[in-house]
Amino acid sequence: MSREGEVDEDKRATLRRFAALGAASPLARFTDDGSDSDAPDAIAGYVSARPGTHFSKLRDDLKLGTGEAQHHLHRLENEGIVASRKDGDYRRYFPDGQFSAFEQVTLGYLRRSTARGMLVTLLRRPDATASELASELDVSRPTVSNYAADLEAADLLSREDGYAVTEPETVLTLVIRYADSFGDDAAALAGEADSLLRYDP
């Protein structure tokens, strides 16, 4: 088989896998466009499983061309199946109507490794200092400071007395729900969720 044929088969298998997710998700309600493409279902499934993903990541993971991805995403947005929001240089995609603005912002930051690492560490150890965060994440103190400023501007972090996640229950819930689509740090935190949620009101 030619390399081109292998690529086509790989793309087809990827689209079918995510299309199955799309067909089983609440997003499976768009109209038939008359084509036999699995791409719309695959995009719906991908966005449902990985909310907050940005365009390039979705396009590359689904092995779509830029124009093909743009076409289907535009159609899905017009039909109220997916929604998007600008996030710096990225455009991030979500199932339409499923997340508050705060949750959308949170998911966007959870898809950035350093920001996610800071939030995950602070959920696990609320008293962690900037130096401890830098050591834990193997980044510089200025990097931690820059991300902390961004997270504070997004209302995810307070810096009034050290660092504190502003809505820890919401952030933890999103980490747990989509742990498989984040990194190993999120998966490890999800495994500790029971102990983290045991507290006396």
Protein backbone atom coordinates (compact mmCIF):
# COMPACT_ATOMS: atom_id res chain seq x y z
CA MET A 1 0.00 0.00 0.00
CA SER A 2 1.25 3.46 -0.78
CA ARG A 3 2.13 5.98 1.89
CA GLU A 4 -0.78 8.14 0.73
CA GLY A 5 -3.13 5.20 1.16
CA GLU A 6 -1.80 4.56 4.66
CA VAL A 7 -2.36 8.20 5.59
CA ASP A 8 -5.91 8.08 4.23
CA GLU A 9 -6.70 4.92 6.18
CA ASP A 10 -5.17 6.38 9.35
CA LYS A 11 -7.23 9.53 8.94
CA ARG A 12 -10.39 7.49 8.28
CA ALA A 13 -9.84 5.37 11.40
CA THR A 14 -9.24 8.48 13.53
CA LEU A 15 -12.35 10.19 12.22
CA ARG A 16 -14.47 7.10 12.78
CA ARG A 17 -13.24 6.74 16.37
CA PHE A 18 -14.20 10.31 17.24
CA ALA A 19 -17.36 10.13 15.12
CA ALA A 20 -18.54 7.30 17.39
CA LEU A 21 -18.08 9.65 20.35
CA GLY A 22 -19.96 12.35 18.49
CA ALA A 23 -22.86 10.04 17.70
CA ALA A 24 -23.12 9.08 21.38
CA SER A 25 -22.81 12.62 22.67
CA PRO A 26 -25.49 15.28 23.26
CA LEU A 27 -24.02 17.06 20.22
CA ALA A 28 -25.40 14.47 17.79
CA ARG A 29 -28.20 16.64 16.50
CA PHE A 30 -26.87 18.42 13.43
CA THR A 31 -28.45 18.20 10.01
CA ASP A 32 -27.21 15.96 7.25
CA ASP A 33 -25.18 17.94 4.72
CA GLY A 34 -25.61 15.28 2.06
CA SER A 35 -22.00 14.05 2.24
CA ASP A 36 -20.69 10.78 3.60
CA SER A 37 -17.90 12.51 5.55
CA ASP A 38 -17.27 11.44 9.13
CA ALA A 39 -15.62 14.79 9.84
CA PRO A 40 -18.62 16.65 11.37
CA ASP A 41 -19.40 13.76 13.75
CA ALA A 42 -15.70 13.40 14.55
CA ILE A 43 -15.36 17.10 15.36
CA ALA A 44 -18.46 16.96 17.57
CA GLY A 45 -17.06 13.93 19.39
CA TYR A 46 -13.64 15.48 19.77
CA VAL A 47 -15.00 18.76 21.18
CA SER A 48 -17.28 16.84 23.55
CA ALA A 49 -14.37 14.77 24.88
CA ARG A 50 -11.82 17.61 24.88
CA PRO A 51 -13.65 20.89 25.53
CA GLY A 52 -11.39 23.91 25.34
CA THR A 53 -9.26 22.45 22.57
CA HIS A 54 -7.84 24.97 20.13
CA PHE A 55 -8.18 24.88 16.37
CA SER A 56 -4.70 23.64 15.46
CA LYS A 57 -4.84 20.81 17.99
CA LEU A 58 -8.24 19.67 16.76
CA ARG A 59 -7.19 19.89 13.11
CA ASP A 60 -3.96 17.98 13.67
CA ASP A 61 -5.38 15.27 15.94
CA LEU A 62 -8.22 14.58 13.50
CA LYS A 63 -5.80 14.73 10.54
CA LEU A 64 -7.95 17.31 8.74
CA GLY A 65 -6.85 19.96 6.31
CA THR A 66 -7.10 23.56 7.49
CA GLY A 67 -9.88 24.43 5.04
CA GLU A 68 -11.77 21.21 5.79
CA ALA A 69 -11.63 21.82 9.54
CA GLN A 70 -12.66 25.46 9.16
CA HIS A 71 -15.59 24.53 6.93
CA HIS A 72 -17.04 21.96 9.32
CA LEU A 73 -16.43 24.03 12.44
CA HIS A 74 -18.12 27.04 10.84
CA ARG A 75 -21.13 24.91 9.99
CA LEU A 76 -21.29 23.35 13.47
CA GLU A 77 -21.11 26.79 15.08
CA ASN A 78 -23.88 28.10 12.82
CA GLU A 79 -26.06 25.16 13.82
CA GLY A 80 -25.48 25.79 17.54
CA ILE A 81 -23.60 22.53 18.12
CA VAL A 82 -20.23 23.97 19.07
CA ALA A 83 -19.27 27.38 20.40
CA SER A 84 -15.91 29.09 20.36
CA ARG A 85 -14.12 31.88 22.15
CA LYS A 86 -10.88 33.73 21.45
CA ASP A 87 -8.09 33.02 23.93
CA GLY A 88 -5.02 35.06 23.09
CA ASP A 89 -3.63 33.64 19.86
CA TYR A 90 -5.99 30.65 20.02
CA ARG A 91 -9.62 30.00 19.25
CA ARG A 92 -11.00 27.36 21.61
CA TYR A 93 -14.03 25.17 21.02
CA PHE A 94 -16.72 23.88 23.40
CA PRO A 95 -20.04 22.05 23.19
CA ASP A 96 -22.54 24.87 22.83
CA GLY A 97 -24.39 25.82 26.01
CA GLN A 98 -22.65 23.33 28.30
CA PHE A 99 -20.18 25.58 30.11
CA SER A 100 -20.32 28.95 31.83
CA ALA A 101 -17.89 31.66 30.76
CA PHE A 102 -15.78 30.93 33.85
CA GLU A 103 -15.67 27.21 33.03
CA GLN A 104 -14.66 27.96 29.44
CA VAL A 105 -11.80 30.16 30.63
CA THR A 106 -10.78 27.49 33.15
CA LEU A 107 -10.75 24.75 30.50
CA GLY A 108 -8.61 26.95 28.27
CA TYR A 109 -6.00 27.35 31.01
CA LEU A 110 -6.17 23.66 31.92
CA ARG A 111 -5.08 22.93 28.33
CA ARG A 112 -1.84 24.88 28.92
CA SER A 113 0.70 22.66 30.67
CA THR A 114 2.30 25.25 32.99
CA ALA A 115 -1.00 26.88 33.99
CA ARG A 116 -2.55 23.44 34.54
CA GLY A 117 0.45 22.37 36.59
CA MET A 118 0.09 25.41 38.83
CA LEU A 119 -3.63 24.86 39.35
CA VAL A 120 -3.22 21.12 39.96
CA THR A 121 -0.41 21.71 42.46
CA LEU A 122 -2.41 24.37 44.31
CA LEU A 123 -5.47 22.12 44.46
CA ARG A 124 -3.30 19.42 46.00
CA ARG A 125 -1.24 21.77 48.19
CA PRO A 126 -3.06 25.09 48.76
CA ASP A 127 -0.12 26.48 50.75
CA ALA A 128 2.45 25.96 47.98
CA THR A 129 4.73 28.97 47.50
CA ALA A 130 5.97 30.43 44.23
CA SER A 131 9.36 28.80 44.79
CA GLU A 132 7.73 25.42 45.42
CA LEU A 133 5.59 25.77 42.30
CA ALA A 134 8.67 26.62 40.22
CA SER A 135 10.51 23.60 41.61
CA GLU A 136 7.53 21.27 41.16
CA LEU A 137 7.00 22.34 37.54
CA ASP A 138 10.69 22.74 36.68
CA VAL A 139 10.21 26.31 35.51
CA SER A 140 11.67 29.63 36.62
CA ARG A 141 10.19 31.88 39.30
CA PRO A 142 9.49 34.60 36.68
CA THR A 143 7.52 32.03 34.64
CA VAL A 144 5.40 31.20 37.69
CA SER A 145 4.92 34.91 38.36
CA ASN A 146 3.84 35.59 34.77
CA TYR A 147 1.34 32.72 34.74
CA ALA A 148 0.06 33.72 38.18
CA ALA A 149 -0.65 37.22 36.86
CA ASP A 150 -2.52 35.75 33.87
CA LEU A 151 -4.52 33.41 36.11
CA GLU A 152 -5.36 36.27 38.46
CA ALA A 153 -6.52 38.45 35.54
CA ALA A 154 -8.76 35.54 34.47
CA ASP A 155 -10.19 35.31 38.04
CA LEU A 156 -8.83 31.79 38.51
CA LEU A 157 -6.24 32.74 41.10
CA SER A 158 -5.99 35.12 44.03
CA ARG A 159 -2.62 36.53 45.07
CA GLU A 160 -3.81 38.45 48.14
CA ASP A 161 -2.19 36.06 50.61
CA GLY A 162 0.07 33.71 48.72
CA TYR A 163 -1.58 31.85 45.84
CA ALA A 164 -5.13 30.48 46.08
CA VAL A 165 -7.42 28.96 43.43
CA THR A 166 -10.54 31.14 43.50
CA GLU A 167 -13.14 28.43 42.77
CA PRO A 168 -11.37 25.19 43.70
CA GLU A 169 -14.47 22.98 43.52
CA THR A 170 -15.24 24.06 39.95
CA VAL A 171 -11.63 23.67 38.81
CA LEU A 172 -11.29 20.28 40.51
CA THR A 173 -14.54 19.06 38.94
CA LEU A 174 -13.33 19.99 35.45
CA VAL A 175 -9.93 18.38 36.06
CA ILE A 176 -11.58 15.14 37.18
CA ARG A 177 -14.21 15.08 34.44
CA TYR A 178 -11.71 15.55 31.61
CA ALA A 179 -8.58 14.11 33.26
CA ASP A 180 -7.94 11.69 30.40
CA SER A 181 -7.69 14.57 27.94
CA PHE A 182 -5.16 16.48 30.05
CA GLY A 183 -1.68 15.40 31.13
CA ASP A 184 -0.51 12.88 33.71
CA ASP A 185 -0.69 15.54 36.42
CA ALA A 186 -4.46 15.82 35.98
CA ALA A 187 -4.91 12.05 35.93
CA ALA A 188 -2.92 11.75 39.17
CA LEU A 189 -5.02 14.46 40.82
CA ALA A 190 -8.23 12.75 39.70
CA GLY A 191 -7.01 9.63 41.49
CA GLU A 192 -6.70 11.64 44.71
CA ALA A 193 -10.07 13.35 44.34
CA ASP A 194 -11.81 11.47 47.17
CA SER A 195 -9.27 12.59 49.74
CA LEU A 196 -9.29 16.14 48.45
CA LEU A 197 -13.08 16.35 48.71
CA ARG A 198 -13.26 15.08 52.28
CA TYR A 199 -13.54 18.10 54.51
CA ASP A 200 -15.67 19.42 57.37
CA PRO A 201 -17.84 22.39 56.38
